[in-house]
PDB file of N, CA and C in Angstrom:
ATOM      1  N   UNK A   1      20.094  -7.309  -2.429  1.00  0.00           N
ATOM      2  CA  UNK A   1      20.718  -7.114  -1.148  1.00  0.00           C
ATOM      3  C   UNK A   1      21.527  -8.349  -0.817  1.00  0.00           C
ATOM      4  N   UNK A   2      22.724  -8.152  -0.323  1.00  0.00           N
ATOM      5  CA  UNK A   2      23.594  -9.248   0.062  1.00  0.00           C
ATOM      6  C   UNK A   2      23.888  -9.126   1.544  1.00  0.00           C
ATOM      7  N   UNK A   3      23.701 -10.206   2.268  1.00  0.00           N
ATOM      8  CA  UNK A   3      23.966 -10.192   3.699  1.00  0.00           C
ATOM      9  C   UNK A   3      24.774 -11.426   4.042  1.00  0.00           C
ATOM     10  N   UNK A   4      25.806 -11.241   4.816  1.00  0.00           N
ATOM     11  CA  UNK A   4      26.634 -12.359   5.250  1.00  0.00           C
ATOM     12  C   UNK A   4      26.906 -12.212   6.741  1.00  0.00           C
ATOM     13  N   UNK A   5      27.021 -13.346   7.410  1.00  0.00           N
ATOM     14  CA  UNK A   5      27.367 -13.310   8.828  1.00  0.00           C
ATOM     15  C   UNK A   5      28.023 -14.623   9.195  1.00  0.00           C
ATOM     16  N   UNK A   6      28.781 -14.595  10.272  1.00  0.00           N
ATOM     17  CA  UNK A   6      29.474 -15.779  10.755  1.00  0.00           C
ATOM     18  C   UNK A   6      28.720 -16.382  11.927  1.00  0.00           C
ATOM     19  N   UNK A   7      28.658 -17.688  11.947  1.00  0.00           N
ATOM     20  CA  UNK A   7      28.083 -18.401  13.076  1.00  0.00           C
ATOM     21  C   UNK A   7      29.208 -18.791  14.025  1.00  0.00           C
ATOM     22  N   UNK A   8      28.917 -18.988  15.277  1.00  0.00           N
ATOM     23  CA  UNK A   8      29.960 -19.385  16.223  1.00  0.00           C
ATOM     24  C   UNK A   8      30.601 -20.716  15.831  1.00  0.00           C
ATOM     25  N   UNK A   9      31.882 -20.879  16.163  1.00  0.00           N
ATOM     26  CA  UNK A   9      32.587 -22.128  15.880  1.00  0.00           C
ATOM     27  C   UNK A   9      31.842 -23.290  16.513  1.00  0.00           C
ATOM     28  N   UNK A  10      31.789 -24.391  15.805  1.00  0.00           N
ATOM     29  CA  UNK A  10      31.113 -25.579  16.307  1.00  0.00           C
ATOM     30  C   UNK A  10      29.629 -25.634  16.000  1.00  0.00           C
ATOM     31  N   UNK A  11      29.090 -24.598  15.395  1.00  0.00           N
ATOM     32  CA  UNK A  11      27.673 -24.589  15.047  1.00  0.00           C
ATOM     33  C   UNK A  11      27.414 -25.635  13.976  1.00  0.00           C
ATOM     34  N   UNK A  12      26.427 -26.486  14.212  1.00  0.00           N
ATOM     35  CA  UNK A  12      26.120 -27.536  13.239  1.00  0.00           C
ATOM     36  C   UNK A  12      24.784 -27.321  12.547  1.00  0.00           C
ATOM     37  N   UNK A  13      23.997 -26.360  13.017  1.00  0.00           N
ATOM     38  CA  UNK A  13      22.736 -26.074  12.349  1.00  0.00           C
ATOM     39  C   UNK A  13      22.331 -24.632  12.624  1.00  0.00           C
ATOM     40  N   UNK A  14      21.458 -24.146  11.767  1.00  0.00           N
ATOM     41  CA  UNK A  14      20.962 -22.778  11.906  1.00  0.00           C
ATOM     42  C   UNK A  14      19.528 -22.759  11.414  1.00  0.00           C
ATOM     43  N   UNK A  15      18.633 -22.184  12.188  1.00  0.00           N
ATOM     44  CA  UNK A  15      17.230 -22.096  11.808  1.00  0.00           C
ATOM     45  C   UNK A  15      16.942 -20.666  11.366  1.00  0.00           C
ATOM     46  N   UNK A  16      16.422 -20.537  10.162  1.00  0.00           N
ATOM     47  CA  UNK A  16      16.038 -19.226   9.654  1.00  0.00           C
ATOM     48  C   UNK A  16      14.676 -18.891  10.254  1.00  0.00           C
ATOM     49  N   UNK A  17      14.552 -17.745  10.917  1.00  0.00           N
ATOM     50  CA  UNK A  17      13.271 -17.393  11.536  1.00  0.00           C
ATOM     51  C   UNK A  17      12.138 -17.337  10.515  1.00  0.00           C
ATOM     52  N   UNK A  18      10.963 -17.794  10.935  1.00  0.00           N
ATOM     53  CA  UNK A  18       9.790 -17.790  10.066  1.00  0.00           C
ATOM     54  C   UNK A  18       9.504 -16.391   9.554  1.00  0.00           C
ATOM     55  N   UNK A  19       9.070 -16.312   8.313  1.00  0.00           N
ATOM     56  CA  UNK A  19       8.681 -15.064   7.649  1.00  0.00           C
ATOM     57  C   UNK A  19       9.816 -14.050   7.519  1.00  0.00           C
ATOM     58  N   UNK A  20      11.055 -14.518   7.568  1.00  0.00           N
ATOM     59  CA  UNK A  20      12.165 -13.575   7.451  1.00  0.00           C
ATOM     60  C   UNK A  20      12.779 -13.546   6.049  1.00  0.00           C
ATOM     61  N   UNK A  21      12.390 -14.489   5.181  1.00  0.00           N
ATOM     62  CA  UNK A  21      12.905 -14.500   3.820  1.00  0.00           C
ATOM     63  C   UNK A  21      11.893 -13.836   2.892  1.00  0.00           C
ATOM     64  N   UNK A  22      12.362 -13.083   1.916  1.00  0.00           N
ATOM     65  CA  UNK A  22      11.438 -12.433   0.991  1.00  0.00           C
ATOM     66  C   UNK A  22      10.730 -13.462   0.116  1.00  0.00           C
ATOM     67  N   UNK A  23       9.460 -13.227  -0.145  1.00  0.00           N
ATOM     68  CA  UNK A  23       8.665 -14.126  -0.981  1.00  0.00           C
ATOM     69  C   UNK A  23       9.023 -13.888  -2.444  1.00  0.00           C
ATOM     70  N   UNK A  24       8.951 -14.941  -3.224  1.00  0.00           N
ATOM     71  CA  UNK A  24       9.191 -14.885  -4.667  1.00  0.00           C
ATOM     72  C   UNK A  24      10.586 -14.361  -4.986  1.00  0.00           C
ATOM     73  N   UNK A  25      11.575 -14.877  -4.280  1.00  0.00           N
ATOM     74  CA  UNK A  25      12.960 -14.461  -4.498  1.00  0.00           C
ATOM     75  C   UNK A  25      13.832 -15.687  -4.724  1.00  0.00           C
ATOM     76  N   UNK A  26      14.923 -15.490  -5.399  1.00  0.00           N
ATOM     77  CA  UNK A  26      15.904 -16.554  -5.515  1.00  0.00           C
ATOM     78  C   UNK A  26      17.072 -16.173  -4.631  1.00  0.00           C
ATOM     79  N   UNK A  27      17.391 -17.053  -3.701  1.00  0.00           N
ATOM     80  CA  UNK A  27      18.446 -16.795  -2.728  1.00  0.00           C
ATOM     81  C   UNK A  27      19.548 -17.831  -2.891  1.00  0.00           C
ATOM     82  N   UNK A  28      20.692 -17.551  -2.286  1.00  0.00           N
ATOM     83  CA  UNK A  28      21.813 -18.484  -2.349  1.00  0.00           C
ATOM     84  C   UNK A  28      22.485 -18.550  -0.990  1.00  0.00           C
ATOM     85  N   UNK A  29      22.592 -19.753  -0.465  1.00  0.00           N
ATOM     86  CA  UNK A  29      23.333 -19.969   0.778  1.00  0.00           C
ATOM     87  C   UNK A  29      24.773 -20.283   0.409  1.00  0.00           C
ATOM     88  N   UNK A  30      25.687 -19.813   1.180  1.00  0.00           N
ATOM     89  CA  UNK A  30      27.087 -20.159   1.007  1.00  0.00           C
ATOM     90  C   UNK A  30      27.619 -20.601   2.361  1.00  0.00           C
ATOM     91  N   UNK A  31      28.165 -21.795   2.389  1.00  0.00           N
ATOM     92  CA  UNK A  31      28.726 -22.319   3.628  1.00  0.00           C
ATOM     93  C   UNK A  31      30.208 -22.567   3.389  1.00  0.00           C
ATOM     94  N   UNK A  32      31.034 -21.936   4.195  1.00  0.00           N
ATOM     95  CA  UNK A  32      32.474 -22.119   4.080  1.00  0.00           C
ATOM     96  C   UNK A  32      32.970 -22.778   5.355  1.00  0.00           C
ATOM     97  N   UNK A  33      33.706 -23.858   5.211  1.00  0.00           N
ATOM     98  CA  UNK A  33      34.241 -24.577   6.375  1.00  0.00           C
ATOM     99  C   UNK A  33      35.749 -24.711   6.237  1.00  0.00           C
ATOM    100  N   UNK A  34      36.369 -25.000   7.344  1.00  0.00           N
ATOM    101  CA  UNK A  34      37.827 -25.170   7.352  1.00  0.00           C
ATOM    102  C   UNK A  34      38.143 -26.420   8.145  1.00  0.00           C
ATOM    103  N   UNK A  35      39.007 -27.298   7.588  1.00  0.00           N
ATOM    104  CA  UNK A  35      39.355 -28.511   8.322  1.00  0.00           C
ATOM    105  C   UNK A  35      40.629 -28.307   9.148  1.00  0.00           C
ATOM    106  N   UNK A  36      41.074 -29.324   9.806  1.00  0.00           N
ATOM    107  CA  UNK A  36      42.229 -29.237  10.712  1.00  0.00           C
ATOM    108  C   UNK A  36      43.521 -28.860  10.000  1.00  0.00           C
ATOM    109  N   UNK A  37      43.597 -29.033   8.694  1.00  0.00           N
ATOM    110  CA  UNK A  37      44.787 -28.636   7.942  1.00  0.00           C
ATOM    111  C   UNK A  37      44.695 -27.190   7.460  1.00  0.00           C
ATOM    112  N   UNK A  38      43.573 -26.542   7.695  1.00  0.00           N
ATOM    113  CA  UNK A  38      43.411 -25.163   7.288  1.00  0.00           C
ATOM    114  C   UNK A  38      42.822 -24.988   5.907  1.00  0.00           C
ATOM    115  N   UNK A  39      42.397 -26.093   5.288  1.00  0.00           N
ATOM    116  CA  UNK A  39      41.790 -25.990   3.971  1.00  0.00           C
ATOM    117  C   UNK A  39      40.355 -25.484   4.093  1.00  0.00           C
ATOM    118  N   UNK A  40      40.004 -24.564   3.247  1.00  0.00           N
ATOM    119  CA  UNK A  40      38.641 -24.021   3.269  1.00  0.00           C
ATOM    120  C   UNK A  40      37.835 -24.608   2.116  1.00  0.00           C
ATOM    121  N   UNK A  41      36.584 -24.870   2.392  1.00  0.00           N
ATOM    122  CA  UNK A  41      35.658 -25.379   1.395  1.00  0.00           C
ATOM    123  C   UNK A  41      34.441 -24.466   1.372  1.00  0.00           C
ATOM    124  N   UNK A  42      33.901 -24.231   0.195  1.00  0.00           N
ATOM    125  CA  UNK A  42      32.688 -23.417   0.090  1.00  0.00           C
ATOM    126  C   UNK A  42      31.648 -24.188  -0.705  1.00  0.00           C
ATOM    127  N   UNK A  43      30.464 -24.237  -0.177  1.00  0.00           N
ATOM    128  CA  UNK A  43      29.337 -24.860  -0.862  1.00  0.00           C
ATOM    129  C   UNK A  43      28.296 -23.784  -1.108  1.00  0.00           C
ATOM    130  N   UNK A  44      27.753 -23.751  -2.319  1.00  0.00           N
ATOM    131  CA  UNK A  44      26.722 -22.778  -2.676  1.00  0.00           C
ATOM    132  C   UNK A  44      25.441 -23.529  -3.006  1.00  0.00           C
ATOM    133  N   UNK A  45      24.364 -23.112  -2.392  1.00  0.00           N
ATOM    134  CA  UNK A  45      23.074 -23.738  -2.625  1.00  0.00           C
ATOM    135  C   UNK A  45      22.086 -22.649  -3.014  1.00  0.00           C
ATOM    136  N   UNK A  46      21.539 -22.732  -4.213  1.00  0.00           N
ATOM    137  CA  UNK A  46      20.546 -21.758  -4.666  1.00  0.00           C
ATOM    138  C   UNK A  46      19.153 -22.347  -4.470  1.00  0.00           C
ATOM    139  N   UNK A  47      18.203 -21.518  -4.087  1.00  0.00           N
ATOM    140  CA  UNK A  47      16.830 -21.975  -3.927  1.00  0.00           C
ATOM    141  C   UNK A  47      15.879 -20.807  -4.105  1.00  0.00           C
ATOM    142  N   UNK A  48      14.645 -21.140  -4.450  1.00  0.00           N
ATOM    143  CA  UNK A  48      13.583 -20.149  -4.571  1.00  0.00           C
ATOM    144  C   UNK A  48      12.739 -20.195  -3.317  1.00  0.00           C
ATOM    145  N   UNK A  49      12.298 -19.053  -2.849  1.00  0.00           N
ATOM    146  CA  UNK A  49      11.430 -19.020  -1.677  1.00  0.00           C
ATOM    147  C   UNK A  49       9.978 -19.258  -2.059  1.00  0.00           C
ATOM    148  N   UNK A  50       9.685 -19.340  -3.342  1.00  0.00           N
ATOM    149  CA  UNK A  50       8.322 -19.607  -3.779  1.00  0.00           C
ATOM    150  C   UNK A  50       7.474 -18.352  -3.773  1.00  0.00           C
ATOM    151  N   UNK A  51       6.247 -18.543  -4.098  1.00  0.00           N
ATOM    152  CA  UNK A  51       5.344 -17.413  -4.134  1.00  0.00           C
ATOM    153  C   UNK A  51       4.292 -17.577  -3.060  1.00  0.00           C
ATOM    154  N   UNK A  52       3.643 -16.517  -2.751  1.00  0.00           N
ATOM    155  CA  UNK A  52       2.511 -16.551  -1.834  1.00  0.00           C
ATOM    156  C   UNK A  52       1.333 -17.124  -2.614  1.00  0.00           C
ATOM    157  N   UNK A  53       0.640 -18.122  -2.095  1.00  0.00           N
ATOM    158  CA  UNK A  53      -0.413 -18.780  -2.867  1.00  0.00           C
ATOM    159  C   UNK A  53      -1.497 -17.845  -3.401  1.00  0.00           C
ATOM    160  N   UNK A  54      -1.871 -16.828  -2.659  1.00  0.00           N
ATOM    161  CA  UNK A  54      -2.932 -15.942  -3.105  1.00  0.00           C
ATOM    162  C   UNK A  54      -2.487 -14.811  -3.998  1.00  0.00           C
ATOM    163  N   UNK A  55      -1.186 -14.682  -4.219  1.00  0.00           N
ATOM    164  CA  UNK A  55      -0.647 -13.588  -5.028  1.00  0.00           C
ATOM    165  C   UNK A  55      -0.739 -13.955  -6.504  1.00  0.00           C
ATOM    166  N   UNK A  56      -1.945 -13.928  -7.035  1.00  0.00           N
ATOM    167  CA  UNK A  56      -2.218 -14.385  -8.398  1.00  0.00           C
ATOM    168  C   UNK A  56      -1.506 -13.518  -9.436  1.00  0.00           C
ATOM    169  N   UNK A  57      -1.374 -12.212  -9.178  1.00  0.00           N
ATOM    170  CA  UNK A  57      -0.708 -11.335 -10.149  1.00  0.00           C
ATOM    171  C   UNK A  57       0.787 -11.173  -9.874  1.00  0.00           C
ATOM    172  N   UNK A  58       1.311 -11.904  -8.903  1.00  0.00           N
ATOM    173  CA  UNK A  58       2.751 -11.951  -8.602  1.00  0.00           C
ATOM    174  C   UNK A  58       3.387 -10.594  -8.327  1.00  0.00           C
ATOM    175  N   UNK A  59       2.698  -9.752  -7.554  1.00  0.00           N
ATOM    176  CA  UNK A  59       3.296  -8.465  -7.194  1.00  0.00           C
ATOM    177  C   UNK A  59       3.832  -8.446  -5.764  1.00  0.00           C
ATOM    178  N   UNK A  60       3.812  -9.603  -5.079  1.00  0.00           N
ATOM    179  CA  UNK A  60       4.381  -9.702  -3.737  1.00  0.00           C
ATOM    180  C   UNK A  60       3.401  -9.456  -2.608  1.00  0.00           C
ATOM    181  N   UNK A  61       2.156  -9.124  -2.917  1.00  0.00           N
ATOM    182  CA  UNK A  61       1.140  -8.922  -1.890  1.00  0.00           C
ATOM    183  C   UNK A  61      -0.153  -9.610  -2.312  1.00  0.00           C
ATOM    184  N   UNK A  62      -1.008  -9.862  -1.338  1.00  0.00           N
ATOM    185  CA  UNK A  62      -2.330 -10.398  -1.633  1.00  0.00           C
ATOM    186  C   UNK A  62      -3.327  -9.301  -1.333  1.00  0.00           C
ATOM    187  N   UNK A  63      -4.000  -8.818  -2.376  1.00  0.00           N
ATOM    188  CA  UNK A  63      -4.956  -7.722  -2.201  1.00  0.00           C
ATOM    189  C   UNK A  63      -6.088  -7.871  -3.223  1.00  0.00           C
ATOM    190  N   UNK A  64      -6.926  -6.862  -3.321  1.00  0.00           N
ATOM    191  CA  UNK A  64      -8.086  -6.956  -4.208  1.00  0.00           C
ATOM    192  C   UNK A  64      -7.693  -7.147  -5.668  1.00  0.00           C
ATOM    193  N   UNK A  65      -6.537  -6.644  -6.071  1.00  0.00           N
ATOM    194  CA  UNK A  65      -6.091  -6.846  -7.455  1.00  0.00           C
ATOM    195  C   UNK A  65      -5.921  -8.339  -7.739  1.00  0.00           C
ATOM    196  N   UNK A  66      -5.509  -9.101  -6.730  1.00  0.00           N
ATOM    197  CA  UNK A  66      -5.369 -10.546  -6.906  1.00  0.00           C
ATOM    198  C   UNK A  66      -6.727 -11.224  -7.040  1.00  0.00           C
ATOM    199  N   UNK A  67      -7.721 -10.691  -6.355  1.00  0.00           N
ATOM    200  CA  UNK A  67      -9.069 -11.247  -6.505  1.00  0.00           C
ATOM    201  C   UNK A  67      -9.531 -11.126  -7.957  1.00  0.00           C
ATOM    202  N   UNK A  68      -9.368  -9.932  -8.525  1.00  0.00           N
ATOM    203  CA  UNK A  68      -9.794  -9.733  -9.916  1.00  0.00           C
ATOM    204  C   UNK A  68      -8.934 -10.554 -10.876  1.00  0.00           C
ATOM    205  N   UNK A  69      -7.654 -10.705 -10.567  1.00  0.00           N
ATOM    206  CA  UNK A  69      -6.795 -11.559 -11.391  1.00  0.00           C
ATOM    207  C   UNK A  69      -7.238 -13.015 -11.288  1.00  0.00           C
ATOM    208  N   UNK A  70      -7.661 -13.437 -10.074  1.00  0.00           N
ATOM    209  CA  UNK A  70      -8.145 -14.810  -9.909  1.00  0.00           C
ATOM    210  C   UNK A  70      -9.441 -15.023 -10.691  1.00  0.00           C
ATOM    211  N   UNK A  71     -10.386 -14.080 -10.591  1.00  0.00           N
ATOM    212  CA  UNK A  71     -11.648 -14.206 -11.331  1.00  0.00           C
ATOM    213  C   UNK A  71     -11.361 -14.329 -12.825  1.00  0.00           C
ATOM    214  N   UNK A  72     -10.446 -13.521 -13.328  1.00  0.00           N
ATOM    215  CA  UNK A  72     -10.080 -13.593 -14.745  1.00  0.00           C
ATOM    216  C   UNK A  72      -9.474 -14.956 -15.078  1.00  0.00           C
ATOM    217  N   UNK A  73      -8.580 -15.440 -14.212  1.00  0.00           N
ATOM    218  CA  UNK A  73      -7.968 -16.750 -14.445  1.00  0.00           C
ATOM    219  C   UNK A  73      -9.021 -17.851 -14.391  1.00  0.00           C
ATOM    220  N   UNK A  74      -9.935 -17.761 -13.436  1.00  0.00           N
ATOM    221  CA  UNK A  74     -11.009 -18.750 -13.310  1.00  0.00           C
ATOM    222  C   UNK A  74     -11.866 -18.774 -14.575  1.00  0.00           C
ATOM    223  N   UNK A  75     -12.265 -17.607 -15.038  1.00  0.00           N
ATOM    224  CA  UNK A  75     -13.121 -17.526 -16.227  1.00  0.00           C
ATOM    225  C   UNK A  75     -12.439 -18.038 -17.484  1.00  0.00           C
ATOM    226  N   UNK A  76     -11.118 -17.943 -17.529  1.00  0.00           N
ATOM    227  CA  UNK A  76     -10.372 -18.352 -18.723  1.00  0.00           C
ATOM    228  C   UNK A  76      -9.655 -19.684 -18.570  1.00  0.00           C
ATOM    229  N   UNK A  77      -9.825 -20.339 -17.410  1.00  0.00           N
ATOM    230  CA  UNK A  77      -9.133 -21.615 -17.189  1.00  0.00           C
ATOM    231  C   UNK A  77      -7.627 -21.463 -17.127  1.00  0.00           C
ATOM    232  N   UNK A  78      -7.160 -20.293 -16.738  1.00  0.00           N
ATOM    233  CA  UNK A  78      -5.729 -20.001 -16.659  1.00  0.00           C
ATOM    234  C   UNK A  78      -5.128 -20.663 -15.419  1.00  0.00           C
ATOM    235  N   UNK A  79      -4.036 -21.415 -15.565  1.00  0.00           N
ATOM    236  CA  UNK A  79      -3.424 -22.100 -14.435  1.00  0.00           C
ATOM    237  C   UNK A  79      -2.952 -21.172 -13.313  1.00  0.00           C
ATOM    238  N   UNK A  80      -2.787 -19.883 -13.587  1.00  0.00           N
ATOM    239  CA  UNK A  80      -2.370 -18.971 -12.517  1.00  0.00           C
ATOM    240  C   UNK A  80      -3.435 -18.857 -11.431  1.00  0.00           C
ATOM    241  N   UNK A  81      -4.656 -19.293 -11.723  1.00  0.00           N
ATOM    242  CA  UNK A  81      -5.729 -19.270 -10.744  1.00  0.00           C
ATOM    243  C   UNK A  81      -5.767 -20.493  -9.846  1.00  0.00           C
ATOM    244  N   UNK A  82      -4.834 -21.428 -10.053  1.00  0.00           N
ATOM    245  CA  UNK A  82      -4.779 -22.649  -9.241  1.00  0.00           C
ATOM    246  C   UNK A  82      -4.092 -22.354  -7.913  1.00  0.00           C
ATOM    247  N   UNK A  83      -4.796 -21.700  -7.016  1.00  0.00           N
ATOM    248  CA  UNK A  83      -4.226 -21.239  -5.748  1.00  0.00           C
ATOM    249  C   UNK A  83      -3.866 -22.403  -4.836  1.00  0.00           C
ATOM    250  N   UNK A  84      -4.668 -23.457  -4.835  1.00  0.00           N
ATOM    251  CA  UNK A  84      -4.381 -24.575  -3.926  1.00  0.00           C
ATOM    252  C   UNK A  84      -3.440 -25.618  -4.521  1.00  0.00           C
ATOM    253  N   UNK A  85      -3.018 -25.422  -5.753  1.00  0.00           N
ATOM    254  CA  UNK A  85      -2.004 -26.281  -6.362  1.00  0.00           C
ATOM    255  C   UNK A  85      -2.451 -27.695  -6.678  1.00  0.00           C
ATOM    256  N   UNK A  86      -3.752 -27.911  -6.884  1.00  0.00           N
ATOM    257  CA  UNK A  86      -4.226 -29.265  -7.181  1.00  0.00           C
ATOM    258  C   UNK A  86      -4.329 -29.557  -8.672  1.00  0.00           C
ATOM    259  N   UNK A  87      -3.926 -28.611  -9.510  1.00  0.00           N
ATOM    260  CA  UNK A  87      -3.958 -28.814 -10.954  1.00  0.00           C
ATOM    261  C   UNK A  87      -5.246 -28.382 -11.629  1.00  0.00           C
ATOM    262  N   UNK A  88      -6.213 -27.914 -10.839  1.00  0.00           N
ATOM    263  CA  UNK A  88      -7.492 -27.457 -11.377  1.00  0.00           C
ATOM    264  C   UNK A  88      -7.744 -26.017 -10.951  1.00  0.00           C
ATOM    265  N   UNK A  89      -8.454 -25.281 -11.763  1.00  0.00           N
ATOM    266  CA  UNK A  89      -8.901 -23.939 -11.389  1.00  0.00           C
ATOM    267  C   UNK A  89     -10.399 -24.051 -11.165  1.00  0.00           C
ATOM    268  N   UNK A  90     -10.795 -24.073  -9.887  1.00  0.00           N
ATOM    269  CA  UNK A  90     -12.199 -24.274  -9.554  1.00  0.00           C
ATOM    270  C   UNK A  90     -12.554 -23.512  -8.279  1.00  0.00           C
ATOM    271  N   UNK A  91     -13.768 -23.752  -7.776  1.00  0.00           N
ATOM    272  CA  UNK A  91     -14.228 -23.007  -6.606  1.00  0.00           C
ATOM    273  C   UNK A  91     -13.364 -23.252  -5.372  1.00  0.00           C
ATOM    274  N   UNK A  92     -12.712 -24.403  -5.280  1.00  0.00           N
ATOM    275  CA  UNK A  92     -11.815 -24.656  -4.149  1.00  0.00           C
ATOM    276  C   UNK A  92     -10.675 -23.644  -4.136  1.00  0.00           C
ATOM    277  N   UNK A  93     -10.262 -23.186  -5.310  1.00  0.00           N
ATOM    278  CA  UNK A  93      -9.217 -22.173  -5.385  1.00  0.00           C
ATOM    279  C   UNK A  93      -9.696 -20.832  -4.849  1.00  0.00           C
ATOM    280  N   UNK A  94     -10.966 -20.546  -5.032  1.00  0.00           N
ATOM    281  CA  UNK A  94     -11.516 -19.302  -4.475  1.00  0.00           C
ATOM    282  C   UNK A  94     -11.384 -19.309  -2.957  1.00  0.00           C
ATOM    283  N   UNK A  95     -11.770 -20.424  -2.330  1.00  0.00           N
ATOM    284  CA  UNK A  95     -11.678 -20.506  -0.866  1.00  0.00           C
ATOM    285  C   UNK A  95     -10.220 -20.498  -0.415  1.00  0.00           C
ATOM    286  N   UNK A  96      -9.343 -21.098  -1.183  1.00  0.00           N
ATOM    287  CA  UNK A  96      -7.911 -21.047  -0.868  1.00  0.00           C
ATOM    288  C   UNK A  96      -7.398 -19.616  -0.993  1.00  0.00           C
ATOM    289  N   UNK A  97      -7.899 -18.887  -2.001  1.00  0.00           N
ATOM    290  CA  UNK A  97      -7.495 -17.485  -2.154  1.00  0.00           C
ATOM    291  C   UNK A  97      -7.986 -16.647  -0.973  1.00  0.00           C
ATOM    292  N   UNK A  98      -9.237 -16.845  -0.553  1.00  0.00           N
ATOM    293  CA  UNK A  98      -9.769 -16.105   0.595  1.00  0.00           C
ATOM    294  C   UNK A  98      -8.914 -16.371   1.829  1.00  0.00           C
ATOM    295  N   UNK A  99      -8.522 -17.626   2.033  1.00  0.00           N
ATOM    296  CA  UNK A  99      -7.661 -17.975   3.162  1.00  0.00           C
ATOM    297  C   UNK A  99      -6.322 -17.253   3.058  1.00  0.00           C
ATOM    298  N   UNK A 100      -5.725 -17.254   1.856  1.00  0.00           N
ATOM    299  CA  UNK A 100      -4.442 -16.566   1.650  1.00  0.00           C
ATOM    300  C   UNK A 100      -4.600 -15.060   1.866  1.00  0.00           C
ATOM    301  N   UNK A 101      -5.712 -14.509   1.418  1.00  0.00           N
ATOM    302  CA  UNK A 101      -5.959 -13.082   1.613  1.00  0.00           C
ATOM    303  C   UNK A 101      -6.037 -12.758   3.105  1.00  0.00           C
ATOM    304  N   UNK A 102      -6.742 -13.592   3.853  1.00  0.00           N
ATOM    305  CA  UNK A 102      -6.883 -13.359   5.294  1.00  0.00           C
ATOM    306  C   UNK A 102      -5.560 -13.524   6.041  1.00  0.00           C
ATOM    307  N   UNK A 103      -4.691 -14.410   5.537  1.00  0.00           N
ATOM    308  CA  UNK A 103      -3.403 -14.660   6.195  1.00  0.00           C
ATOM    309  C   UNK A 103      -2.292 -13.746   5.696  1.00  0.00           C
ATOM    310  N   UNK A 104      -2.479 -13.153   4.523  1.00  0.00           N
ATOM    311  CA  UNK A 104      -1.431 -12.310   3.933  1.00  0.00           C
ATOM    312  C   UNK A 104      -0.236 -13.130   3.495  1.00  0.00           C
ATOM    313  N   UNK A 105       0.741 -12.481   2.907  1.00  0.00           N
ATOM    314  CA  UNK A 105       1.963 -13.158   2.488  1.00  0.00           C
ATOM    315  C   UNK A 105       3.007 -13.049   3.580  1.00  0.00           C
TER     316      UNK A 105
END
């Protein structure tokens, strides 16, 4: 999906509303400006929105399937089970997963 819109003249900043960007997506901002001579400039900035911490199976939601994926990752030492991002797959990740499950993506 591609969406574009113009901001009012003189706008120097724009805040993207919380939870309005899709999770696990790569997006691109494009800013076009015009100076007093009429020259236009365009800047493109690509970024990833990241993943939801509890979405262990990367399907965009946190649900019971992620719990079973986490248990499997925990049992096998798979880094996908590192929900809290500390570099270890341990019981702290379980509590981080429960928190993510309760908060949703």
